[in-house]
Amino acid sequence: MIFLGIGSNLNSKFGNRFLNIKKAVDLLNQEKVNVVKISSFYETPSYPDNKLPKFINIIIEVKFEESPDELLNKILKIEKKMGRIRNYSNEPRTCDIDIIDFNGDRYQSVGKWDIYSKGTEGEVDISTKDRYYFTGKFCRFLGSKDKDYGYKIFTSELDINLLFDIQNILSNGGFAPHPYEIMKCCDDTQEYFAIKMDNIRGIHVQPDKKWINSLVDFCNENKIYRHKSTIAKKRGWRATIEEECVPKNCIKTDDGKIYLVDIDQRYRYEKSFSCVSK
């Protein structure tokens, strides 16, 4: 199964946010990305700046006979037709199409996103050339099939040191890729932070309840939680961790281990500290 997310928070020459999404669906079908099922429309605030226009979103299931690379190329073509202009991260847009899941296969999508980074290795080219590429709501991951490490690049401001610590704790518990160092990156528009980390290669899976409960218990013991959405506030923070345990965020390697790979800036943890009074 292949699932795409479509969102819009700006009007275009095709009309309002709803009409933008309907036009995007039509264009996908014209590109032989055959739409099988369409969810209801739902509205969400912009993130991280909720003062920007709200998004209208849908999730669709599609059938597509070609590679993830070809699907991404068609998506970029459609976004351009819809009038999307990429100037900076998290900007309002007429059309945003994301690949949520591609048949549970390995990450294969390659995008045109040239990045150069400086870390302990000196200047490193971590552009998408000859690498597979995954993009999420808050970060992007670049890896190479012949390398044991990759780069998670964050597309908005965050406490990078805190996030590195959280991933390191989860890695020590066997739940996340091991992080090596924090790097600073830039492209033609702005600077970013990246974490160099283990390159987890495998298939996307839905973890079983036992694995999810083990992760949640580990997070509870280490006071790790995830910033709550409006829905999550009603359900309690435990549910927010559980909600992250879906195929697009979890990879199973050939040796049977499962890793949570999308650890973004909504993760938090309560650091232990002590006070000494004089």
Foldseek 3Di string as FASTA:
>chain_A
DWKKKKKAFQAFPQGHGVSLVVVLQVLCVVVVFAWDDKADWDWDAQPPDSVGGIMIMIMTDTDDDDDLQVVVVSSVVSQVVRPFDDQAPSDGGGMDMFTQDDVQAWQAHADQDWKWWQDPVGIDTQGRVQWGKHDDNFWIWTDHPPDQKTKIKGRDDADVVQLLVVQCLCVVVLAAWHWDDKIWMDDPRGIIIMTITTDATATFDQDDPVVLVVSLVSCVVQQKFFADDPVCVVVDGSVVSVVQRGRSQWGAHPVGGIYRYDRDRRMGGDDDDDDDDD
